[in-house]
PDB file of N, CA and C in Angstrom:
ATOM      1  N   MET A   1     -43.494 211.618-162.896  1.00  0.00           N
ATOM      2  CA  MET A   1     -43.038 212.600-161.448  1.00  0.00           C
ATOM      3  C   MET A   1     -42.392 213.778-161.754  1.00  0.00           C
ATOM      4  N   ILE A   2     -43.085 214.680-161.029  1.00  0.00           N
ATOM      5  CA  ILE A   2     -42.251 215.876-160.960  1.00  0.00           C
ATOM      6  C   ILE A   2     -41.055 216.240-160.206  1.00  0.00           C
ATOM      7  N   LYS A   3     -40.287 216.674-160.333  1.00  0.00           N
ATOM      8  CA  LYS A   3     -39.049 216.889-159.482  1.00  0.00           C
ATOM      9  C   LYS A   3     -39.327 218.026-158.571  1.00  0.00           C
ATOM     10  N   LEU A   4     -38.514 217.810-157.125  1.00  0.00           N
ATOM     11  CA  LEU A   4     -38.962 218.541-156.366  1.00  0.00           C
ATOM     12  C   LEU A   4     -38.477 220.199-156.916  1.00  0.00           C
ATOM     13  N   ASP A   5     -37.381 220.069-157.399  1.00  0.00           N
ATOM     14  CA  ASP A   5     -36.877 221.554-157.925  1.00  0.00           C
ATOM     15  C   ASP A   5     -38.015 222.170-159.041  1.00  0.00           C
ATOM     16  N   ASP A   6     -38.233 221.106-159.890  1.00  0.00           N
ATOM     17  CA  ASP A   6     -39.181 221.897-160.781  1.00  0.00           C
ATOM     18  C   ASP A   6     -40.504 222.327-160.472  1.00  0.00           C
ATOM     19  N   TRP A   7     -41.240 221.729-159.429  1.00  0.00           N
ATOM     20  CA  TRP A   7     -42.093 221.949-158.590  1.00  0.00           C
ATOM     21  C   TRP A   7     -42.073 223.162-157.877  1.00  0.00           C
ATOM     22  N   ALA A   8     -40.665 223.579-157.486  1.00  0.00           N
ATOM     23  CA  ALA A   8     -40.915 224.747-156.301  1.00  0.00           C
ATOM     24  C   ALA A   8     -40.303 226.003-157.386  1.00  0.00           C
ATOM     25  N   GLU A   9     -39.845 225.603-158.363  1.00  0.00           N
ATOM     26  CA  GLU A   9     -39.893 226.780-159.809  1.00  0.00           C
ATOM     27  C   GLU A   9     -41.170 227.027-160.145  1.00  0.00           C
ATOM     28  N   ILE A  10     -42.030 226.132-160.725  1.00  0.00           N
ATOM     29  CA  ILE A  10     -43.126 226.553-160.838  1.00  0.00           C
ATOM     30  C   ILE A  10     -43.863 227.426-160.057  1.00  0.00           C
ATOM     31  N   ARG A  11     -44.007 226.864-158.663  1.00  0.00           N
ATOM     32  CA  ARG A  11     -44.642 227.729-157.601  1.00  0.00           C
ATOM     33  C   ARG A  11     -44.072 229.503-157.504  1.00  0.00           C
ATOM     34  N   HIS A  12     -42.759 229.062-157.459  1.00  0.00           N
ATOM     35  CA  HIS A  12     -42.119 230.869-157.334  1.00  0.00           C
ATOM     36  C   HIS A  12     -42.479 231.194-158.691  1.00  0.00           C
ATOM     37  N   LEU A  13     -42.201 231.021-160.016  1.00  0.00           N
ATOM     38  CA  LEU A  13     -42.880 231.750-160.729  1.00  0.00           C
ATOM     39  C   LEU A  13     -44.283 232.311-160.788  1.00  0.00           C
ATOM     40  N   HIS A  14     -45.084 231.268-160.455  1.00  0.00           N
ATOM     41  CA  HIS A  14     -46.422 231.822-160.469  1.00  0.00           C
ATOM     42  C   HIS A  14     -46.525 232.737-159.274  1.00  0.00           C
ATOM     43  N   SER A  15     -46.076 232.604-158.826  1.00  0.00           N
ATOM     44  CA  SER A  15     -46.265 233.298-157.336  1.00  0.00           C
ATOM     45  C   SER A  15     -45.769 235.216-157.519  1.00  0.00           C
ATOM     46  N   THR A  16     -44.949 235.359-158.766  1.00  0.00           N
ATOM     47  CA  THR A  16     -44.540 236.726-158.797  1.00  0.00           C
ATOM     48  C   THR A  16     -45.414 237.055-159.624  1.00  0.00           C
ATOM     49  N   GLY A  17     -46.208 236.315-160.239  1.00  0.00           N
ATOM     50  CA  GLY A  17     -46.994 237.151-161.338  1.00  0.00           C
ATOM     51  C   GLY A  17     -46.850 237.496-162.749  1.00  0.00           C
ATOM     52  N   GLN A  18     -45.599 237.248-162.748  1.00  0.00           N
ATOM     53  CA  GLN A  18     -45.038 237.680-164.162  1.00  0.00           C
ATOM     54  C   GLN A  18     -44.961 236.846-165.382  1.00  0.00           C
ATOM     55  N   HIS A  19     -45.593 235.608-165.067  1.00  0.00           N
ATOM     56  CA  HIS A  19     -45.507 234.238-166.033  1.00  0.00           C
ATOM     57  C   HIS A  19     -46.990 234.106-165.905  1.00  0.00           C
ATOM     58  N   SER A  20     -47.200 233.538-167.494  1.00  0.00           N
ATOM     59  CA  SER A  20     -48.331 232.869-167.387  1.00  0.00           C
ATOM     60  C   SER A  20     -48.467 231.608-167.285  1.00  0.00           C
ATOM     61  N   LYS A  21     -49.310 230.386-167.202  1.00  0.00           N
ATOM     62  CA  LYS A  21     -48.849 229.176-167.058  1.00  0.00           C
ATOM     63  C   LYS A  21     -48.361 228.524-168.311  1.00  0.00           C
ATOM     64  N   ARG A  22     -48.447 228.973-169.241  1.00  0.00           N
ATOM     65  CA  ARG A  22     -48.275 228.506-170.465  1.00  0.00           C
ATOM     66  C   ARG A  22     -46.535 228.700-170.740  1.00  0.00           C
ATOM     67  N   GLU A  23     -46.414 230.048-170.206  1.00  0.00           N
ATOM     68  CA  GLU A  23     -44.835 230.348-170.190  1.00  0.00           C
ATOM     69  C   GLU A  23     -43.975 229.737-169.332  1.00  0.00           C
ATOM     70  N   ILE A  24     -44.651 229.263-168.161  1.00  0.00           N
ATOM     71  CA  ILE A  24     -44.096 228.886-167.330  1.00  0.00           C
ATOM     72  C   ILE A  24     -43.752 227.523-167.444  1.00  0.00           C
ATOM     73  N   ALA A  25     -44.879 226.627-168.084  1.00  0.00           N
ATOM     74  CA  ALA A  25     -44.330 225.395-168.780  1.00  0.00           C
ATOM     75  C   ALA A  25     -43.235 225.420-169.679  1.00  0.00           C
ATOM     76  N   ARG A  26     -43.106 226.511-170.653  1.00  0.00           N
ATOM     77  CA  ARG A  26     -41.887 226.584-171.627  1.00  0.00           C
ATOM     78  C   ARG A  26     -40.858 226.845-171.027  1.00  0.00           C
ATOM     79  N   LEU A  27     -40.862 227.450-169.710  1.00  0.00           N
ATOM     80  CA  LEU A  27     -39.234 227.756-168.974  1.00  0.00           C
ATOM     81  C   LEU A  27     -38.756 226.517-168.505  1.00  0.00           C
ATOM     82  N   VAL A  28     -39.881 226.061-167.776  1.00  0.00           N
ATOM     83  CA  VAL A  28     -39.211 224.919-166.886  1.00  0.00           C
ATOM     84  C   VAL A  28     -39.087 223.514-167.663  1.00  0.00           C
ATOM     85  N   GLY A  29     -39.772 223.349-168.866  1.00  0.00           N
ATOM     86  CA  GLY A  29     -39.786 222.216-169.793  1.00  0.00           C
ATOM     87  C   GLY A  29     -40.630 221.215-169.588  1.00  0.00           C
ATOM     88  N   VAL A  30     -41.918 221.568-168.950  1.00  0.00           N
ATOM     89  CA  VAL A  30     -43.156 220.485-168.772  1.00  0.00           C
ATOM     90  C   VAL A  30     -44.437 220.925-169.519  1.00  0.00           C
ATOM     91  N   SER A  31     -45.042 220.016-169.260  1.00  0.00           N
ATOM     92  CA  SER A  31     -46.555 220.615-170.100  1.00  0.00           C
ATOM     93  C   SER A  31     -47.342 221.417-169.263  1.00  0.00           C
ATOM     94  N   ARG A  32     -48.427 222.110-169.920  1.00  0.00           N
ATOM     95  CA  ARG A  32     -49.359 222.922-169.204  1.00  0.00           C
ATOM     96  C   ARG A  32     -50.249 222.206-167.825  1.00  0.00           C
ATOM     97  N   GLY A  33     -50.225 221.047-168.336  1.00  0.00           N
ATOM     98  CA  GLY A  33     -51.136 219.846-167.279  1.00  0.00           C
ATOM     99  C   GLY A  33     -50.469 219.777-165.962  1.00  0.00           C
ATOM    100  N   THR A  34     -49.016 219.548-166.162  1.00  0.00           N
ATOM    101  CA  THR A  34     -48.018 219.174-165.187  1.00  0.00           C
ATOM    102  C   THR A  34     -47.848 220.807-164.239  1.00  0.00           C
ATOM    103  N   VAL A  35     -47.856 221.878-164.946  1.00  0.00           N
ATOM    104  CA  VAL A  35     -48.078 223.159-164.118  1.00  0.00           C
ATOM    105  C   VAL A  35     -49.542 223.276-163.383  1.00  0.00           C
ATOM    106  N   ASP A  36     -50.541 222.992-163.805  1.00  0.00           N
ATOM    107  CA  ASP A  36     -51.607 222.767-163.158  1.00  0.00           C
ATOM    108  C   ASP A  36     -51.882 221.893-162.157  1.00  0.00           C
ATOM    109  N   ARG A  37     -51.104 220.778-161.977  1.00  0.00           N
ATOM    110  CA  ARG A  37     -51.274 219.933-161.361  1.00  0.00           C
ATOM    111  C   ARG A  37     -50.319 220.437-159.710  1.00  0.00           C
ATOM    112  N   ALA A  38     -49.180 221.282-160.456  1.00  0.00           N
ATOM    113  CA  ALA A  38     -48.306 221.480-159.323  1.00  0.00           C
ATOM    114  C   ALA A  38     -48.833 222.588-158.501  1.00  0.00           C
ATOM    115  N   LEU A  39     -49.298 223.658-159.164  1.00  0.00           N
ATOM    116  CA  LEU A  39     -50.296 224.819-158.602  1.00  0.00           C
ATOM    117  C   LEU A  39     -51.486 224.140-157.555  1.00  0.00           C
ATOM    118  N   ALA A  40     -51.983 223.161-158.161  1.00  0.00           N
ATOM    119  CA  ALA A  40     -53.014 222.673-157.345  1.00  0.00           C
ATOM    120  C   ALA A  40     -52.736 222.136-155.694  1.00  0.00           C
ATOM    121  N   VAL A  41     -51.737 221.442-155.838  1.00  0.00           N
ATOM    122  CA  VAL A  41     -51.548 220.759-154.268  1.00  0.00           C
ATOM    123  C   VAL A  41     -50.696 221.520-153.854  1.00  0.00           C
ATOM    124  N   ASP A  42     -50.414 221.747-152.117  1.00  0.00           N
ATOM    125  CA  ASP A  42     -49.929 222.755-151.327  1.00  0.00           C
ATOM    126  C   ASP A  42     -48.632 221.973-150.807  1.00  0.00           C
ATOM    127  N   ARG A  43     -48.363 220.506-151.053  1.00  0.00           N
ATOM    128  CA  ARG A  43     -47.143 220.101-150.482  1.00  0.00           C
ATOM    129  C   ARG A  43     -46.334 219.650-151.564  1.00  0.00           C
ATOM    130  N   ALA A  44     -45.229 219.476-151.469  1.00  0.00           N
ATOM    131  CA  ALA A  44     -44.071 219.094-152.272  1.00  0.00           C
ATOM    132  C   ALA A  44     -44.407 217.463-152.676  1.00  0.00           C
ATOM    133  N   PRO A  45     -43.802 217.354-154.185  1.00  0.00           N
ATOM    134  CA  PRO A  45     -44.036 215.891-154.267  1.00  0.00           C
ATOM    135  C   PRO A  45     -43.405 214.997-153.550  1.00  0.00           C
ATOM    136  N   THR A  46     -43.631 213.757-153.479  1.00  0.00           N
ATOM    137  CA  THR A  46     -43.274 212.762-152.788  1.00  0.00           C
ATOM    138  C   THR A  46     -43.325 211.472-153.440  1.00  0.00           C
ATOM    139  N   TYR A  47     -41.984 210.867-153.570  1.00  0.00           N
ATOM    140  CA  TYR A  47     -42.408 209.457-153.982  1.00  0.00           C
ATOM    141  C   TYR A  47     -42.399 208.289-152.852  1.00  0.00           C
ATOM    142  N   GLN A  48     -43.579 207.737-153.370  1.00  0.00           N
ATOM    143  CA  GLN A  48     -43.507 206.616-152.247  1.00  0.00           C
ATOM    144  C   GLN A  48     -44.201 204.973-152.979  1.00  0.00           C
ATOM    145  N   ARG A  49     -43.044 204.244-152.588  1.00  0.00           N
ATOM    146  CA  ARG A  49     -43.649 202.923-153.437  1.00  0.00           C
ATOM    147  C   ARG A  49     -43.534 202.076-152.046  1.00  0.00           C
ATOM    148  N   GLU A  50     -44.554 200.875-152.163  1.00  0.00           N
ATOM    149  CA  GLU A  50     -44.676 200.149-151.358  1.00  0.00           C
ATOM    150  C   GLU A  50     -43.867 198.842-151.302  1.00  0.00           C
ATOM    151  N   PRO A  51     -43.246 198.556-150.584  1.00  0.00           N
ATOM    152  CA  PRO A  51     -42.215 197.767-150.565  1.00  0.00           C
ATOM    153  C   PRO A  51     -42.715 196.121-151.205  1.00  0.00           C
ATOM    154  N   SER A  52     -41.889 195.669-151.911  1.00  0.00           N
ATOM    155  CA  SER A  52     -42.692 194.385-152.869  1.00  0.00           C
ATOM    156  C   SER A  52     -41.933 193.193-152.520  1.00  0.00           C
ATOM    157  N   GLY A  53     -40.522 193.390-151.472  1.00  0.00           N
ATOM    158  CA  GLY A  53     -39.993 192.213-151.306  1.00  0.00           C
ATOM    159  C   GLY A  53     -39.183 191.902-152.533  1.00  0.00           C
ATOM    160  N   SER A  54     -38.508 190.748-152.129  1.00  0.00           N
ATOM    161  CA  SER A  54     -37.227 190.528-153.199  1.00  0.00           C
ATOM    162  C   SER A  54     -37.536 188.905-153.526  1.00  0.00           C
ATOM    163  N   SER A  55     -36.950 188.621-154.645  1.00  0.00           N
ATOM    164  CA  SER A  55     -37.096 187.108-155.072  1.00  0.00           C
ATOM    165  C   SER A  55     -36.224 186.188-154.176  1.00  0.00           C
ATOM    166  N   PHE A  56     -35.181 186.662-153.344  1.00  0.00           N
ATOM    167  CA  PHE A  56     -34.517 186.031-152.469  1.00  0.00           C
ATOM    168  C   PHE A  56     -35.008 185.694-151.037  1.00  0.00           C
ATOM    169  N   ASP A  57     -36.274 186.184-150.790  1.00  0.00           N
ATOM    170  CA  ASP A  57     -36.914 186.254-149.675  1.00  0.00           C
ATOM    171  C   ASP A  57     -37.455 184.800-149.101  1.00  0.00           C
ATOM    172  N   GLU A  58     -37.792 183.986-149.570  1.00  0.00           N
ATOM    173  CA  GLU A  58     -37.896 182.344-149.706  1.00  0.00           C
ATOM    174  C   GLU A  58     -36.478 182.052-148.974  1.00  0.00           C
ATOM    175  N   PHE A  59     -35.683 182.489-149.443  1.00  0.00           N
ATOM    176  CA  PHE A  59     -34.054 181.796-149.049  1.00  0.00           C
ATOM    177  C   PHE A  59     -33.522 182.405-147.985  1.00  0.00           C
ATOM    178  N   ALA A  60     -34.017 183.290-147.408  1.00  0.00           N
ATOM    179  CA  ALA A  60     -33.813 184.341-146.349  1.00  0.00           C
ATOM    180  C   ALA A  60     -33.082 183.573-145.194  1.00  0.00           C
ATOM    181  N   GLY A  61     -33.880 182.815-144.691  1.00  0.00           N
ATOM    182  CA  GLY A  61     -33.604 181.910-143.340  1.00  0.00           C
ATOM    183  C   GLY A  61     -32.816 180.655-143.285  1.00  0.00           C
ATOM    184  N   ARG A  62     -32.929 180.435-144.708  1.00  0.00           N
ATOM    185  CA  ARG A  62     -32.221 179.252-145.297  1.00  0.00           C
ATOM    186  C   ARG A  62     -30.744 179.026-145.032  1.00  0.00           C
ATOM    187  N   ASP A  63     -29.890 177.753-144.285  1.00  0.00           N
ATOM    188  CA  ASP A  63     -28.344 177.901-144.147  1.00  0.00           C
ATOM    189  C   ASP A  63     -28.298 176.448-144.967  1.00  0.00           C
ATOM    190  N   SER A  64     -27.542 176.192-145.971  1.00  0.00           N
ATOM    191  CA  SER A  64     -27.441 175.050-146.204  1.00  0.00           C
ATOM    192  C   SER A  64     -26.493 174.289-145.714  1.00  0.00           C
ATOM    193  N   GLY A  65     -25.858 174.323-144.884  1.00  0.00           N
ATOM    194  CA  GLY A  65     -24.639 173.666-143.835  1.00  0.00           C
ATOM    195  C   GLY A  65     -23.923 173.416-144.441  1.00  0.00           C
ATOM    196  N   ARG A  66     -23.482 173.573-145.790  1.00  0.00           N
ATOM    197  CA  ARG A  66     -22.145 172.940-146.432  1.00  0.00           C
ATOM    198  C   ARG A  66     -21.260 173.981-145.874  1.00  0.00           C
ATOM    199  N   THR A  67     -21.142 175.260-145.677  1.00  0.00           N
ATOM    200  CA  THR A  67     -20.199 176.248-145.478  1.00  0.00           C
ATOM    201  C   THR A  67     -19.906 176.363-144.024  1.00  0.00           C
ATOM    202  N   GLY A  68     -20.986 175.912-143.204  1.00  0.00           N
ATOM    203  CA  GLY A  68     -21.134 176.559-141.815  1.00  0.00           C
ATOM    204  C   GLY A  68     -21.771 178.060-141.857  1.00  0.00           C
ATOM    205  N   GLY A  69     -22.088 178.613-142.635  1.00  0.00           N
ATOM    206  CA  GLY A  69     -22.369 179.942-142.726  1.00  0.00           C
ATOM    207  C   GLY A  69     -21.782 180.786-143.075  1.00  0.00           C
ATOM    208  N   VAL A  70     -20.423 180.172-143.426  1.00  0.00           N
ATOM    209  CA  VAL A  70     -19.165 181.432-144.210  1.00  0.00           C
ATOM    210  C   VAL A  70     -19.472 181.074-145.809  1.00  0.00           C
ATOM    211  N   VAL A  71     -19.375 182.308-146.661  1.00  0.00           N
ATOM    212  CA  VAL A  71     -19.150 182.143-147.781  1.00  0.00           C
ATOM    213  C   VAL A  71     -17.938 182.425-148.464  1.00  0.00           C
ATOM    214  N   GLY A  72     -17.719 181.793-149.515  1.00  0.00           N
ATOM    215  CA  GLY A  72     -16.196 181.731-149.640  1.00  0.00           C
ATOM    216  C   GLY A  72     -15.995 182.611-151.105  1.00  0.00           C
ATOM    217  N   VAL A  73     -14.742 183.105-151.569  1.00  0.00           N
ATOM    218  CA  VAL A  73     -14.841 183.515-152.407  1.00  0.00           C
ATOM    219  C   VAL A  73     -13.608 183.057-153.117  1.00  0.00           C
ATOM    220  N   THR A  74     -13.875 183.012-154.411  1.00  0.00           N
ATOM    221  CA  THR A  74     -12.691 182.212-155.384  1.00  0.00           C
ATOM    222  C   THR A  74     -12.197 183.550-156.039  1.00  0.00           C
ATOM    223  N   VAL A  75     -11.093 183.913-156.060  1.00  0.00           N
ATOM    224  CA  VAL A  75     -10.291 184.593-156.597  1.00  0.00           C
ATOM    225  C   VAL A  75      -9.319 184.036-158.268  1.00  0.00           C
ATOM    226  N   VAL A  76      -9.550 184.405-159.522  1.00  0.00           N
ATOM    227  CA  VAL A  76      -9.062 184.117-160.404  1.00  0.00           C
ATOM    228  C   VAL A  76      -8.113 185.346-160.950  1.00  0.00           C
ATOM    229  N   VAL A  77      -6.619 184.566-160.848  1.00  0.00           N
ATOM    230  CA  VAL A  77      -5.639 185.322-161.213  1.00  0.00           C
ATOM    231  C   VAL A  77      -4.947 185.147-162.700  1.00  0.00           C
ATOM    232  N   SER A  78      -5.037 186.013-163.850  1.00  0.00           N
ATOM    233  CA  SER A  78      -4.931 185.587-165.302  1.00  0.00           C
ATOM    234  C   SER A  78      -3.444 185.414-165.149  1.00  0.00           C
ATOM    235  N   GLY A  79      -2.864 185.230-166.351  1.00  0.00           N
ATOM    236  CA  GLY A  79      -1.516 185.373-166.720  1.00  0.00           C
ATOM    237  C   GLY A  79      -0.175 184.167-165.839  1.00  0.00           C
ATOM    238  N   GLU A  80      -0.934 183.806-164.646  1.00  0.00           N
ATOM    239  CA  GLU A  80       0.130 183.185-163.853  1.00  0.00           C
ATOM    240  C   GLU A  80      -0.227 181.745-164.091  1.00  0.00           C
ATOM    241  N   SER A  81       0.663 180.853-163.586  1.00  0.00           N
ATOM    242  CA  SER A  81       0.733 179.544-163.491  1.00  0.00           C
ATOM    243  C   SER A  81       1.321 178.979-162.401  1.00  0.00           C
ATOM    244  N   ARG A  82       0.500 178.428-161.423  1.00  0.00           N
ATOM    245  CA  ARG A  82       1.030 177.989-160.442  1.00  0.00           C
ATOM    246  C   ARG A  82       0.974 176.203-160.421  1.00  0.00           C
TER     247      ARG A  82
END
């Protein structure tokens, strides 16, 4: 996935007309195919991912009842004896 900064730089360098696509690819550090794809679209790249859920979703509504809904924390201090 191309970064927004790279996409903007590719489009800027191409709009000036001073650089070939091959030279733009070398300057930005991407392939010529990436330069072609960046110039083919009018919108900036966006990353969209479908929410996949979590492995803890099945436990979300469950309360074990043992702690009354309160989660305890155990602190271990080393070097002290009590």
